[in-house]
Amino acid sequence: MGVAEPSKIGIIGQSNGGYATLALITQSDIFRAAVMVSGYGDIVEFHSYDIGRVIVEVSLGLKKTPWKRRNCL
């Protein structure tokens, strides 16, 4: 469509968007650059902290621990 130069597409995400940024760059070959700001890349590790547990449970809907629901990661 000529909207963007295909060889120069980048993505940036903060917080939950940072996690989404990591997910996109690992599952797509469209992006040439990516920046994650104040995000988390390891849900299991992040879930081990009190505030991380709250964020994961609220934003991702994970009410059980990740090691009890391994198929949701």
PDB file of N, CA and C in Angstrom:
ATOM      1  N   MET A   1       0.816  -1.192   0.000  1.00  0.00           N
ATOM      2  CA  MET A   1       0.000   0.000   0.000  1.00  0.00           C
ATOM      3  C   MET A   1       0.865   1.264   0.000  1.00  0.00           C
ATOM      4  N   GLY A   2       2.154   1.129   0.254  1.00  0.00           N
ATOM      5  CA  GLY A   2       3.028   2.287   0.230  1.00  0.00           C
ATOM      6  C   GLY A   2       2.980   3.145   1.482  1.00  0.00           C
ATOM      7  N   VAL A   3       2.385   2.649   2.542  1.00  0.00           N
ATOM      8  CA  VAL A   3       2.273   3.427   3.773  1.00  0.00           C
ATOM      9  C   VAL A   3       3.599   3.437   4.536  1.00  0.00           C
ATOM     10  N   ALA A   4       4.306   2.335   4.536  1.00  0.00           N
ATOM     11  CA  ALA A   4       5.568   2.226   5.268  1.00  0.00           C
ATOM     12  C   ALA A   4       6.582   1.455   4.439  1.00  0.00           C
ATOM     13  N   GLU A   5       7.845   1.754   4.674  1.00  0.00           N
ATOM     14  CA  GLU A   5       8.929   1.027   4.024  1.00  0.00           C
ATOM     15  C   GLU A   5       9.086  -0.328   4.725  1.00  0.00           C
ATOM     16  N   PRO A   6       8.815  -1.431   4.036  1.00  0.00           N
ATOM     17  CA  PRO A   6       8.830  -2.753   4.678  1.00  0.00           C
ATOM     18  C   PRO A   6      10.130  -3.102   5.392  1.00  0.00           C
ATOM     19  N   SER A   7      11.251  -2.569   4.952  1.00  0.00           N
ATOM     20  CA  SER A   7      12.528  -2.897   5.589  1.00  0.00           C
ATOM     21  C   SER A   7      12.841  -2.006   6.788  1.00  0.00           C
ATOM     22  N   LYS A   8      11.927  -1.105   7.133  1.00  0.00           N
ATOM     23  CA  LYS A   8      12.189  -0.164   8.225  1.00  0.00           C
ATOM     24  C   LYS A   8      11.037  -0.085   9.226  1.00  0.00           C
ATOM     25  N   ILE A   9      10.367  -1.181   9.465  1.00  0.00           N
ATOM     26  CA  ILE A   9       9.242  -1.187  10.398  1.00  0.00           C
ATOM     27  C   ILE A   9       9.726  -1.599  11.782  1.00  0.00           C
ATOM     28  N   GLY A  10       9.376  -0.797  12.779  1.00  0.00           N
ATOM     29  CA  GLY A  10       9.756  -1.072  14.149  1.00  0.00           C
ATOM     30  C   GLY A  10       8.539  -1.052  15.045  1.00  0.00           C
ATOM     31  N   ILE A  11       8.738  -1.484  16.281  1.00  0.00           N
ATOM     32  CA  ILE A  11       7.650  -1.526  17.254  1.00  0.00           C
ATOM     33  C   ILE A  11       8.213  -1.153  18.621  1.00  0.00           C
ATOM     34  N   ILE A  12       7.391  -0.489  19.423  1.00  0.00           N
ATOM     35  CA  ILE A  12       7.771  -0.149  20.785  1.00  0.00           C
ATOM     36  C   ILE A  12       6.584  -0.418  21.690  1.00  0.00           C
ATOM     37  N   GLY A  13       6.842  -0.928  22.883  1.00  0.00           N
ATOM     38  CA  GLY A  13       5.761  -1.204  23.820  1.00  0.00           C
ATOM     39  C   GLY A  13       6.217  -0.986  25.249  1.00  0.00           C
ATOM     40  N   GLN A  14       5.298  -0.503  26.063  1.00  0.00           N
ATOM     41  CA  GLN A  14       5.599  -0.249  27.471  1.00  0.00           C
ATOM     42  C   GLN A  14       4.685  -1.088  28.344  1.00  0.00           C
ATOM     43  N   SER A  15       5.224  -1.603  29.436  1.00  0.00           N
ATOM     44  CA  SER A  15       4.483  -2.395  30.408  1.00  0.00           C
ATOM     45  C   SER A  15       3.900  -3.638  29.729  1.00  0.00           C
ATOM     46  N   ASN A  16       2.581  -3.791  29.733  1.00  0.00           N
ATOM     47  CA  ASN A  16       1.980  -4.939  29.040  1.00  0.00           C
ATOM     48  C   ASN A  16       2.289  -4.904  27.545  1.00  0.00           C
ATOM     49  N   GLY A  17       2.386  -3.708  27.008  1.00  0.00           N
ATOM     50  CA  GLY A  17       2.762  -3.559  25.604  1.00  0.00           C
ATOM     51  C   GLY A  17       4.175  -4.027  25.343  1.00  0.00           C
ATOM     52  N   GLY A  18       5.025  -3.962  26.382  1.00  0.00           N
ATOM     53  CA  GLY A  18       6.381  -4.494  26.262  1.00  0.00           C
ATOM     54  C   GLY A  18       6.365  -5.999  26.100  1.00  0.00           C
ATOM     55  N   TYR A  19       5.519  -6.639  26.868  1.00  0.00           N
ATOM     56  CA  TYR A  19       5.362  -8.094  26.726  1.00  0.00           C
ATOM     57  C   TYR A  19       4.810  -8.425  25.343  1.00  0.00           C
ATOM     58  N   ALA A  20       3.833  -7.631  24.892  1.00  0.00           N
ATOM     59  CA  ALA A  20       3.264  -7.837  23.556  1.00  0.00           C
ATOM     60  C   ALA A  20       4.319  -7.609  22.474  1.00  0.00           C
ATOM     61  N   THR A  21       5.201  -6.649  22.692  1.00  0.00           N
ATOM     62  CA  THR A  21       6.285  -6.393  21.741  1.00  0.00           C
ATOM     63  C   THR A  21       7.185  -7.619  21.610  1.00  0.00           C
ATOM     64  N   LEU A  22       7.555  -8.199  22.743  1.00  0.00           N
ATOM     65  CA  LEU A  22       8.382  -9.411  22.706  1.00  0.00           C
ATOM     66  C   LEU A  22       7.657 -10.557  22.009  1.00  0.00           C
ATOM     67  N   ALA A  23       6.370 -10.687  22.288  1.00  0.00           N
ATOM     68  CA  ALA A  23       5.585 -11.744  21.648  1.00  0.00           C
ATOM     69  C   ALA A  23       5.539 -11.537  20.132  1.00  0.00           C
ATOM     70  N   LEU A  24       5.348 -10.304  19.700  1.00  0.00           N
ATOM     71  CA  LEU A  24       5.278 -10.022  18.261  1.00  0.00           C
ATOM     72  C   LEU A  24       6.590 -10.294  17.542  1.00  0.00           C
ATOM     73  N   ILE A  25       7.706  -9.869  18.132  1.00  0.00           N
ATOM     74  CA  ILE A  25       8.975 -10.055  17.420  1.00  0.00           C
ATOM     75  C   ILE A  25       9.426 -11.511  17.389  1.00  0.00           C
ATOM     76  N   THR A  26       8.901 -12.323  18.308  1.00  0.00           N
ATOM     77  CA  THR A  26       9.257 -13.742  18.269  1.00  0.00           C
ATOM     78  C   THR A  26       8.339 -14.550  17.367  1.00  0.00           C
ATOM     79  N   GLN A  27       7.194 -13.978  17.006  1.00  0.00           N
ATOM     80  CA  GLN A  27       6.221 -14.714  16.202  1.00  0.00           C
ATOM     81  C   GLN A  27       6.007 -14.118  14.818  1.00  0.00           C
ATOM     82  N   SER A  28       6.743 -13.058  14.502  1.00  0.00           N
ATOM     83  CA  SER A  28       6.567 -12.396  13.219  1.00  0.00           C
ATOM     84  C   SER A  28       7.927 -11.971  12.679  1.00  0.00           C
ATOM     85  N   ASP A  29       8.048 -11.921  11.367  1.00  0.00           N
ATOM     86  CA  ASP A  29       9.292 -11.443  10.779  1.00  0.00           C
ATOM     87  C   ASP A  29       9.106 -10.094  10.091  1.00  0.00           C
ATOM     88  N   ILE A  30       8.043  -9.394  10.409  1.00  0.00           N
ATOM     89  CA  ILE A  30       7.752  -8.091   9.813  1.00  0.00           C
ATOM     90  C   ILE A  30       8.650  -6.997  10.384  1.00  0.00           C
ATOM     91  N   PHE A  31       8.920  -7.054  11.689  1.00  0.00           N
ATOM     92  CA  PHE A  31       9.603  -5.966  12.371  1.00  0.00           C
ATOM     93  C   PHE A  31      11.115  -6.090  12.282  1.00  0.00           C
ATOM     94  N   ARG A  32      11.773  -4.956  12.059  1.00  0.00           N
ATOM     95  CA  ARG A  32      13.234  -4.918  11.955  1.00  0.00           C
ATOM     96  C   ARG A  32      13.881  -4.403  13.233  1.00  0.00           C
ATOM     97  N   ALA A  33      13.099  -3.750  14.077  1.00  0.00           N
ATOM     98  CA  ALA A  33      13.601  -3.239  15.361  1.00  0.00           C
ATOM     99  C   ALA A  33      12.470  -3.296  16.375  1.00  0.00           C
ATOM    100  N   ALA A  34      12.846  -3.479  17.648  1.00  0.00           N
ATOM    101  CA  ALA A  34      11.849  -3.524  18.715  1.00  0.00           C
ATOM    102  C   ALA A  34      12.454  -2.958  19.993  1.00  0.00           C
ATOM    103  N   VAL A  35      11.606  -2.241  20.742  1.00  0.00           N
ATOM    104  CA  VAL A  35      12.028  -1.680  22.021  1.00  0.00           C
ATOM    105  C   VAL A  35      10.960  -2.012  23.053  1.00  0.00           C
ATOM    106  N   MET A  36      11.398  -2.592  24.178  1.00  0.00           N
ATOM    107  CA  MET A  36      10.490  -2.858  25.283  1.00  0.00           C
ATOM    108  C   MET A  36      10.874  -1.925  26.424  1.00  0.00           C
ATOM    109  N   VAL A  37       9.896  -1.165  26.935  1.00  0.00           N
ATOM    110  CA  VAL A  37      10.136  -0.218  28.017  1.00  0.00           C
ATOM    111  C   VAL A  37       9.309  -0.637  29.231  1.00  0.00           C
ATOM    112  N   SER A  38       9.951  -0.795  30.354  1.00  0.00           N
ATOM    113  CA  SER A  38       9.271  -1.111  31.618  1.00  0.00           C
ATOM    114  C   SER A  38       8.354  -2.317  31.499  1.00  0.00           C
ATOM    115  N   GLY A  39       8.783  -3.289  30.767  1.00  0.00           N
ATOM    116  CA  GLY A  39       7.964  -4.485  30.588  1.00  0.00           C
ATOM    117  C   GLY A  39       8.572  -5.682  31.287  1.00  0.00           C
ATOM    118  N   TYR A  40       8.024  -6.813  31.008  1.00  0.00           N
ATOM    119  CA  TYR A  40       8.528  -8.053  31.571  1.00  0.00           C
ATOM    120  C   TYR A  40       8.568  -9.094  30.464  1.00  0.00           C
ATOM    121  N   GLY A  41       9.590  -9.923  30.497  1.00  0.00           N
ATOM    122  CA  GLY A  41       9.743 -10.914  29.453  1.00  0.00           C
ATOM    123  C   GLY A  41       9.541 -12.346  29.924  1.00  0.00           C
ATOM    124  N   ASP A  42       9.449 -12.522  31.220  1.00  0.00           N
ATOM    125  CA  ASP A  42       9.309 -13.857  31.782  1.00  0.00           C
ATOM    126  C   ASP A  42       8.143 -13.855  32.767  1.00  0.00           C
ATOM    127  N   ILE A  43       6.991 -14.337  32.350  1.00  0.00           N
ATOM    128  CA  ILE A  43       5.790 -14.303  33.187  1.00  0.00           C
ATOM    129  C   ILE A  43       5.972 -15.110  34.466  1.00  0.00           C
ATOM    130  N   VAL A  44       6.623 -16.237  34.391  1.00  0.00           N
ATOM    131  CA  VAL A  44       6.805 -17.070  35.575  1.00  0.00           C
ATOM    132  C   VAL A  44       7.643 -16.330  36.618  1.00  0.00           C
ATOM    133  N   GLU A  45       8.733 -15.711  36.189  1.00  0.00           N
ATOM    134  CA  GLU A  45       9.582 -14.962  37.108  1.00  0.00           C
ATOM    135  C   GLU A  45       8.839 -13.738  37.642  1.00  0.00           C
ATOM    136  N   PHE A  46       8.148 -13.014  36.769  1.00  0.00           N
ATOM    137  CA  PHE A  46       7.414 -11.813  37.159  1.00  0.00           C
ATOM    138  C   PHE A  46       6.310 -12.156  38.157  1.00  0.00           C
ATOM    139  N   HIS A  47       5.700 -13.310  37.993  1.00  0.00           N
ATOM    140  CA  HIS A  47       4.612 -13.751  38.876  1.00  0.00           C
ATOM    141  C   HIS A  47       5.117 -14.042  40.288  1.00  0.00           C
ATOM    142  N   SER A  48       6.426 -14.229  40.462  1.00  0.00           N
ATOM    143  CA  SER A  48       6.964 -14.555  41.776  1.00  0.00           C
ATOM    144  C   SER A  48       7.070 -13.335  42.700  1.00  0.00           C
ATOM    145  N   TYR A  49       6.884 -12.140  42.167  1.00  0.00           N
ATOM    146  CA  TYR A  49       6.876 -10.921  42.976  1.00  0.00           C
ATOM    147  C   TYR A  49       5.442 -10.530  43.287  1.00  0.00           C
ATOM    148  N   ASP A  50       5.217  -9.940  44.461  1.00  0.00           N
ATOM    149  CA  ASP A  50       3.856  -9.578  44.873  1.00  0.00           C
ATOM    150  C   ASP A  50       3.160  -8.688  43.853  1.00  0.00           C
ATOM    151  N   ILE A  51       3.793  -7.582  43.464  1.00  0.00           N
ATOM    152  CA  ILE A  51       3.151  -6.665  42.514  1.00  0.00           C
ATOM    153  C   ILE A  51       3.056  -7.310  41.134  1.00  0.00           C
ATOM    154  N   GLY A  52       4.045  -8.089  40.776  1.00  0.00           N
ATOM    155  CA  GLY A  52       4.002  -8.798  39.496  1.00  0.00           C
ATOM    156  C   GLY A  52       2.832  -9.764  39.440  1.00  0.00           C
ATOM    157  N   ARG A  53       2.579 -10.452  40.539  1.00  0.00           N
ATOM    158  CA  ARG A  53       1.465 -11.396  40.612  1.00  0.00           C
ATOM    159  C   ARG A  53       0.140 -10.674  40.383  1.00  0.00           C
ATOM    160  N   VAL A  54      -0.018  -9.518  41.003  1.00  0.00           N
ATOM    161  CA  VAL A  54      -1.255  -8.738  40.831  1.00  0.00           C
ATOM    162  C   VAL A  54      -1.405  -8.301  39.377  1.00  0.00           C
ATOM    163  N   ILE A  55      -0.338  -7.808  38.790  1.00  0.00           N
ATOM    164  CA  ILE A  55      -0.398  -7.339  37.402  1.00  0.00           C
ATOM    165  C   ILE A  55      -0.734  -8.482  36.459  1.00  0.00           C
ATOM    166  N   VAL A  56      -0.085  -9.620  36.627  1.00  0.00           N
ATOM    167  CA  VAL A  56      -0.338 -10.770  35.756  1.00  0.00           C
ATOM    168  C   VAL A  56      -1.774 -11.270  35.924  1.00  0.00           C
ATOM    169  N   GLU A  57      -2.248 -11.339  37.159  1.00  0.00           N
ATOM    170  CA  GLU A  57      -3.612 -11.829  37.394  1.00  0.00           C
ATOM    171  C   GLU A  57      -4.658 -10.879  36.824  1.00  0.00           C
ATOM    172  N   VAL A  58      -4.451  -9.582  36.979  1.00  0.00           N
ATOM    173  CA  VAL A  58      -5.441  -8.605  36.505  1.00  0.00           C
ATOM    174  C   VAL A  58      -5.351  -8.406  34.995  1.00  0.00           C
ATOM    175  N   SER A  59      -4.160  -8.150  34.477  1.00  0.00           N
ATOM    176  CA  SER A  59      -4.049  -7.804  33.059  1.00  0.00           C
ATOM    177  C   SER A  59      -4.146  -9.000  32.129  1.00  0.00           C
ATOM    178  N   LEU A  60      -3.664 -10.157  32.575  1.00  0.00           N
ATOM    179  CA  LEU A  60      -3.704 -11.335  31.710  1.00  0.00           C
ATOM    180  C   LEU A  60      -4.765 -12.347  32.121  1.00  0.00           C
ATOM    181  N   GLY A  61      -5.411 -12.098  33.241  1.00  0.00           N
ATOM    182  CA  GLY A  61      -6.481 -12.990  33.687  1.00  0.00           C
ATOM    183  C   GLY A  61      -6.007 -14.320  34.234  1.00  0.00           C
ATOM    184  N   LEU A  62      -4.737 -14.398  34.639  1.00  0.00           N
ATOM    185  CA  LEU A  62      -4.203 -15.648  35.182  1.00  0.00           C
ATOM    186  C   LEU A  62      -4.483 -15.700  36.678  1.00  0.00           C
ATOM    187  N   LYS A  63      -5.498 -16.417  37.075  1.00  0.00           N
ATOM    188  CA  LYS A  63      -5.866 -16.509  38.490  1.00  0.00           C
ATOM    189  C   LYS A  63      -5.104 -17.599  39.220  1.00  0.00           C
ATOM    190  N   LYS A  64      -4.618 -18.581  38.482  1.00  0.00           N
ATOM    191  CA  LYS A  64      -3.798 -19.635  39.071  1.00  0.00           C
ATOM    192  C   LYS A  64      -2.341 -19.330  38.760  1.00  0.00           C
ATOM    193  N   THR A  65      -1.446 -19.918  39.528  1.00  0.00           N
ATOM    194  CA  THR A  65      -0.031 -19.703  39.277  1.00  0.00           C
ATOM    195  C   THR A  65       0.344 -20.279  37.905  1.00  0.00           C
ATOM    196  N   PRO A  66       1.318 -19.670  37.232  1.00  0.00           N
ATOM    197  CA  PRO A  66       1.722 -20.162  35.900  1.00  0.00           C
ATOM    198  C   PRO A  66       2.162 -21.610  35.911  1.00  0.00           C
ATOM    199  N   TRP A  67       2.773 -22.080  36.997  1.00  0.00           N
ATOM    200  CA  TRP A  67       3.225 -23.478  37.036  1.00  0.00           C
ATOM    201  C   TRP A  67       2.089 -24.457  37.246  1.00  0.00           C
ATOM    202  N   LYS A  68       0.891 -23.967  37.622  1.00  0.00           N
ATOM    203  CA  LYS A  68      -0.281 -24.836  37.702  1.00  0.00           C
ATOM    204  C   LYS A  68      -1.081 -24.814  36.405  1.00  0.00           C
ATOM    205  N   ARG A  69      -0.849 -23.793  35.575  1.00  0.00           N
ATOM    206  CA  ARG A  69      -1.535 -23.685  34.276  1.00  0.00           C
ATOM    207  C   ARG A  69      -0.507 -23.433  33.187  1.00  0.00           C
ATOM    208  N   ARG A  70       0.396 -24.363  32.962  1.00  0.00           N
ATOM    209  CA  ARG A  70       1.472 -24.170  32.001  1.00  0.00           C
ATOM    210  C   ARG A  70       1.001 -23.977  30.570  1.00  0.00           C
ATOM    211  N   ASN A  71      -0.180 -24.456  30.238  1.00  0.00           N
ATOM    212  CA  ASN A  71      -0.657 -24.324  28.857  1.00  0.00           C
ATOM    213  C   ASN A  71      -1.111 -22.908  28.524  1.00  0.00           C
ATOM    214  N   CYS A  72      -1.262 -22.015  29.503  1.00  0.00           N
ATOM    215  CA  CYS A  72      -1.722 -20.657  29.213  1.00  0.00           C
ATOM    216  C   CYS A  72      -0.579 -19.717  28.879  1.00  0.00           C
ATOM    217  N   LEU A  73       0.656 -20.145  29.035  1.00  0.00           N
ATOM    218  CA  LEU A  73       1.780 -19.284  28.713  1.00  0.00           C
ATOM    219  C   LEU A  73       2.056 -19.405  27.259  1.00  0.00           C
TER     220      LEU A  73
END
